[in-house]
Protein backbone atom coordinates (compact mmCIF):
# COMPACT_ATOMS: atom_id res chain seq x y z
CA MET A 1 -49.47 -23.49 3.71
CA MET A 2 -48.03 -20.67 6.20
CA ASN A 3 -44.80 -22.95 6.78
CA GLN A 4 -44.01 -23.17 3.13
CA LEU A 5 -44.41 -19.38 2.73
CA LYS A 6 -41.82 -18.90 5.57
CA VAL A 7 -39.52 -21.49 4.06
CA TYR A 8 -39.87 -19.72 0.66
CA THR A 9 -39.27 -16.42 2.12
CA LEU A 10 -36.07 -17.57 4.14
CA SER A 11 -34.74 -19.21 0.94
CA PHE A 12 -35.21 -15.99 -0.88
CA LEU A 13 -33.51 -13.80 1.82
CA LEU A 14 -30.53 -16.19 1.91
CA SER A 15 -30.24 -16.02 -1.76
CA VAL A 16 -30.11 -12.25 -1.76
CA LEU A 17 -27.74 -12.04 1.10
CA THR A 18 -25.34 -14.42 -0.66
CA VAL A 19 -25.41 -12.63 -3.94
CA THR A 20 -25.10 -9.28 -2.20
CA HIS A 21 -22.20 -10.40 -0.38
CA ALA A 22 -20.33 -11.90 -3.46
CA THR A 23 -21.17 -8.81 -5.58
CA ARG A 24 -19.77 -6.53 -2.83
CA ALA A 25 -16.33 -8.76 -2.51
CA VAL A 26 -15.81 -8.52 -6.23
CA ALA A 27 -16.65 -4.76 -6.55
CA THR A 28 -14.43 -3.46 -3.64
CA ALA A 29 -11.40 -5.39 -4.45
CA PRO A 30 -9.28 -2.93 -6.20
CA PRO A 31 -7.39 -4.12 -9.33
CA LEU A 32 -3.76 -4.97 -8.80
CA ALA A 33 -2.32 -2.10 -10.55
CA GLN A 34 -4.42 0.19 -8.27
CA GLN A 35 -3.30 -1.81 -5.20
CA LEU A 36 0.50 -1.21 -6.33
CA ASN A 37 0.04 2.53 -6.71
CA GLN A 38 -1.98 2.71 -3.38
CA VAL A 39 0.28 0.84 -0.99
CA ALA A 40 3.31 2.59 -2.46
CA ASN A 41 1.67 6.01 -1.75
CA TRP A 42 0.77 4.99 1.68
CA PHE A 43 4.23 4.19 2.51
CA THR A 44 5.43 7.71 1.23
CA GLY A 45 5.82 10.45 3.74
CA MET A 46 6.57 11.15 7.29
CA PHE A 47 5.82 8.89 10.34
CA ASP A 48 6.55 8.31 14.00
CA ASN A 49 5.42 6.47 17.06
CA SER A 50 5.24 9.43 19.34
CA GLN A 51 1.52 8.62 20.14
CA GLN A 52 2.48 5.03 21.11
CA VAL A 53 5.70 6.33 23.25
CA MET A 54 3.30 8.51 25.41
CA GLY A 55 1.72 5.47 26.57
CA GLN A 56 4.55 3.06 26.66
CA ALA A 57 7.65 4.67 28.12
CA THR A 58 9.88 1.61 27.32
CA VAL A 59 9.37 2.08 23.34
CA PRO A 60 11.84 4.25 21.83
CA LEU A 61 10.82 7.29 19.68
CA ILE A 62 11.41 6.41 15.96
CA SER A 63 10.67 8.54 12.97
CA ILE A 64 10.41 7.50 9.27
CA THR A 65 10.99 9.60 6.26
CA SER A 66 10.39 8.10 2.90
CA CYS A 67 10.20 9.19 -0.76
CA SER A 68 9.85 8.02 -4.16
CA VAL A 69 13.10 7.59 -6.04
CA GLN A 70 14.43 6.28 -9.39
CA LEU A 71 17.10 3.88 -9.97
CA ASP A 72 20.01 4.79 -12.53
CA SER A 73 19.92 1.41 -14.43
CA SER A 74 18.18 1.42 -17.77
CA ASN A 75 17.08 -2.19 -17.17
CA SER A 76 14.89 -1.06 -13.88
CA LEU A 77 11.28 -2.08 -14.58
CA ALA A 78 8.80 0.79 -15.20
CA ASP A 79 5.87 -0.83 -13.12
CA VAL A 80 8.07 -1.10 -9.98
CA LYS A 81 7.39 1.85 -7.50
CA ASN A 82 10.84 2.29 -5.54
CA ILE A 83 10.50 4.22 -2.19
CA TYR A 84 13.48 5.37 -0.27
CA PHE A 85 13.05 4.71 3.37
CA GLU A 86 15.05 6.29 6.19
CA GLN A 87 14.35 5.16 9.75
CA GLU A 88 15.85 6.91 12.79
CA SER A 89 15.96 6.83 16.61
CA SER A 90 18.38 7.92 19.37
CA SER A 91 20.11 4.35 19.22
CA PHE A 92 20.07 3.30 15.41
CA GLU A 93 19.55 4.36 11.65
CA ARG A 94 18.09 2.18 9.09
CA LEU A 95 18.18 3.16 5.31
CA ARG A 96 16.56 1.03 2.88
CA LEU A 97 15.17 0.80 -0.51
CA TYR A 98 11.71 -0.24 -0.85
CA SER A 99 10.59 -1.57 -4.23
CA PHE A 100 6.95 -2.44 -4.73
CA SER A 101 5.63 -4.59 -7.64
CA GLN A 102 2.40 -6.60 -8.78
CA GLY A 103 2.37 -9.98 -7.56
CA ASN A 104 -0.21 -12.88 -8.32
CA THR A 105 -2.41 -12.16 -5.58
CA GLY A 106 -1.10 -8.86 -4.07
CA VAL A 107 1.75 -6.46 -3.97
CA ASN A 108 5.38 -7.61 -3.79
CA LEU A 109 7.63 -5.84 -1.42
CA SER A 110 11.37 -6.30 -1.93
CA ILE A 111 13.43 -4.58 0.82
CA ARG A 112 17.34 -3.95 0.34
CA SER A 113 19.96 -2.25 2.25
CA PHE A 114 22.91 -0.24 0.64
CA LEU A 115 26.47 -1.04 0.36
CA ASP A 116 27.18 2.59 1.20
CA ASN A 117 24.96 4.56 3.05
CA THR A 118 26.92 7.83 2.54
CA PHE A 119 25.32 8.59 -0.84
CA VAL A 120 21.85 8.15 0.14
CA ARG A 121 21.35 9.59 3.80
CA GLY A 122 18.95 12.64 3.60
CA LEU A 123 18.05 11.93 0.05
CA CYS A 124 14.22 13.07 0.60
CA ASN A 125 15.80 16.40 1.00
CA ALA A 126 16.79 16.67 -2.55
CA PRO A 127 14.45 17.80 -5.52
CA GLN A 128 12.41 14.65 -6.91
CA SER A 129 14.32 14.86 -10.24
CA THR A 130 17.52 14.43 -8.76
CA ARG A 131 16.75 11.28 -6.47
CA LYS A 132 18.48 8.56 -8.17
CA ILE A 133 20.04 5.54 -6.60
CA PRO A 134 22.86 3.54 -8.44
CA THR A 135 22.30 -0.06 -8.63
CA SER A 136 25.76 -0.51 -7.88
CA ASN A 137 25.20 0.54 -4.37
CA LEU A 138 22.48 -2.11 -4.00
CA PRO A 139 23.26 -5.73 -2.91
CA ILE A 140 21.73 -8.73 -5.09
CA THR A 141 20.01 -10.13 -2.06
CA SER A 142 16.70 -8.86 -0.66
CA CYS A 143 14.17 -9.64 2.14
CA ASP A 144 10.65 -10.11 0.49
CA LEU A 145 7.10 -9.80 1.58
CA ASN A 146 3.71 -10.18 -0.09
CA LEU A 147 1.19 -7.49 0.92
CA ILE A 148 -2.41 -8.53 0.87
CA TRP A 149 -5.38 -6.08 0.40
CA GLN A 150 -8.01 -6.74 3.06
CA GLU A 151 -11.83 -6.07 2.91
CA THR A 152 -11.76 -3.04 5.27
CA ASP A 153 -9.17 -1.28 3.08
CA TYR A 154 -5.75 -2.17 4.32
CA TYR A 155 -2.84 -4.18 3.52
CA LYS A 156 -1.21 -6.89 5.54
CA GLY A 157 1.89 -8.85 4.98
CA SER A 158 4.55 -11.29 6.55
CA ASN A 159 7.36 -13.33 5.67
CA GLU A 160 6.63 -15.94 8.39
CA PRO A 161 8.07 -18.57 9.36
CA ASN A 162 11.47 -18.24 7.64
CA GLY A 163 12.16 -14.43 7.68
CA CYS A 164 15.43 -13.03 6.39
CA PRO A 165 18.97 -13.33 7.72
CA ALA A 166 20.31 -10.18 9.55
CA GLY A 167 23.99 -10.89 10.11
CA PHE A 168 25.70 -12.12 13.30
CA GLY A 169 23.45 -15.46 12.92
CA LEU A 170 20.17 -13.52 13.64
CA ARG A 171 17.16 -13.88 11.79
CA VAL A 172 14.18 -11.36 11.26
CA VAL A 173 10.69 -12.26 10.75
CA SER A 174 8.59 -9.15 9.77
CA ASN A 175 4.87 -8.51 10.01
CA VAL A 176 3.51 -5.29 8.73
CA THR A 177 0.14 -3.79 8.18
CA VAL A 178 -0.50 -0.55 6.24
CA TRP A 179 -3.24 1.80 6.39
CA ALA A 180 -3.49 5.30 4.62
CA ASP A 181 -2.41 7.11 7.58
CA ARG A 182 -0.49 4.48 9.58
CA ILE A 183 1.88 1.61 9.63
CA ASP A 184 2.12 -1.06 12.24
CA SER A 185 5.13 -3.24 12.16
CA LEU A 186 6.51 -6.08 14.13
CA ASP A 187 9.93 -7.28 13.54
CA GLN A 188 10.82 -10.38 15.49
CA ILE A 189 14.44 -11.09 16.04
CA PHE A 190 15.77 -14.70 16.59
CA ASN A 191 19.16 -15.40 17.46
CA ALA A 192 21.22 -18.63 16.03
CA GLN A 193 19.87 -20.83 18.77
CA GLY A 194 16.46 -19.75 17.48
CA ASP A 195 15.53 -17.86 20.84
CA LEU A 196 13.34 -14.69 20.21
CA VAL A 197 15.49 -11.75 21.43
CA VAL A 198 13.41 -8.65 20.15
CA ASN A 199 9.54 -8.81 19.93
CA THR A 200 8.48 -5.00 20.17
CA PRO A 201 5.61 -4.07 17.96
CA ILE A 202 5.89 -0.40 16.71
CA GLU A 203 2.94 1.66 15.83
CA PHE A 204 3.77 4.42 13.34
CA ARG A 205 1.28 7.27 12.44
CA ARG A 206 1.54 9.67 9.55
CA VAL A 207 2.98 13.26 10.61
CA TYR A 208 0.95 15.97 8.49
CA PRO A 209 3.24 18.91 7.48
CA ILE A 210 2.70 22.09 8.76
CA PRO A 211 2.22 25.09 6.65
CA GLU A 212 5.46 27.09 5.62
CA PRO A 213 6.70 29.94 8.00
CA SER A 214 5.79 32.48 5.31
CA LEU A 215 2.13 31.34 5.04
CA MET A 216 1.85 31.15 8.98
CA LEU A 217 3.13 34.73 8.92
CA GLY A 218 0.57 35.58 6.14
CA ILE A 219 -2.15 33.95 8.13
CA LEU A 220 -1.37 35.76 11.28
CA ALA A 221 -1.11 39.03 9.56
CA VAL A 222 -4.44 38.46 8.27
CA GLY A 223 -5.94 37.72 11.69
CA LEU A 224 -4.49 40.92 13.17
CA TRP A 225 -5.58 43.03 10.37
CA GLY A 226 -9.19 41.57 10.83
CA ALA A 227 -8.88 42.04 14.58
CA LYS A 228 -7.70 45.81 14.23
CA GLN A 229 -10.48 46.51 11.65
CA ALA A 230 -13.24 45.11 13.86
CA ASN A 231 -11.77 47.06 16.83
CA SER A 232 -11.57 50.29 14.59
CA SER A 233 -15.11 49.69 13.60
CA LYS A 234 -16.46 49.42 17.17
CA PHE A 235 -14.51 52.59 18.06
CA LYS A 236 -15.90 54.43 15.39
CA HIS A 237 -19.47 53.40 16.03
CA LYS A 238 -19.06 54.29 19.88
CA SER A 239 -17.64 57.54 19.17
CA LYS A 240 -20.57 58.35 16.85
CA LYS A 241 -23.16 57.11 19.35
CA ASN A 242 -21.70 59.46 22.15
CA SER A 243 -21.75 62.44 19.96
CA MET A 244 -25.42 61.79 19.57
């Protein structure tokens, strides 16, 4: 009788755990529309890999500035999130348009270069209403990935094994992992013979903006005024005590 009770108890616990796990998986997976907005927002802002550079002197310092933009074409889809992506280091500059859209199982990411960089460089410095990119400045071809939401709330994507052509017979296989505050990327570059020539993972971390100078001066002024008031109060209290 005791053994049967143990078996029934164990079966019941396994059933509860199974149902709980299934419910959790369904409940925590965001709808695709929400995933689209989330991953596009996470790609927007300022990033750099300065933390990585401090621990790895051989890795170059790279910064990212990205912002939402619009295409001038009336045929552009309303449910596509377009992000202008500007990546810079001391040795290279990479300007791209990242277009996010809903896929069947995740978020599709289409990456395109520009036919002429002159008209887009520094675009994020312009007011948002004027950030428009002419479709005539975009090539027909793109490099595509599919970003899949993971249970611990991040996105992972890859275009393995084929990757994308990069000119001069080169081929790039990209892997990217996106969190709310960081982006880890690995672009593996292969030559025409299929040899791996570049294989350096880059760890970008979000750079949070500092307050405007006027706000900083205001905070400093308030701090100095408070310190002055405190010292003045102490002096008056001490003078009154001495007079007694």
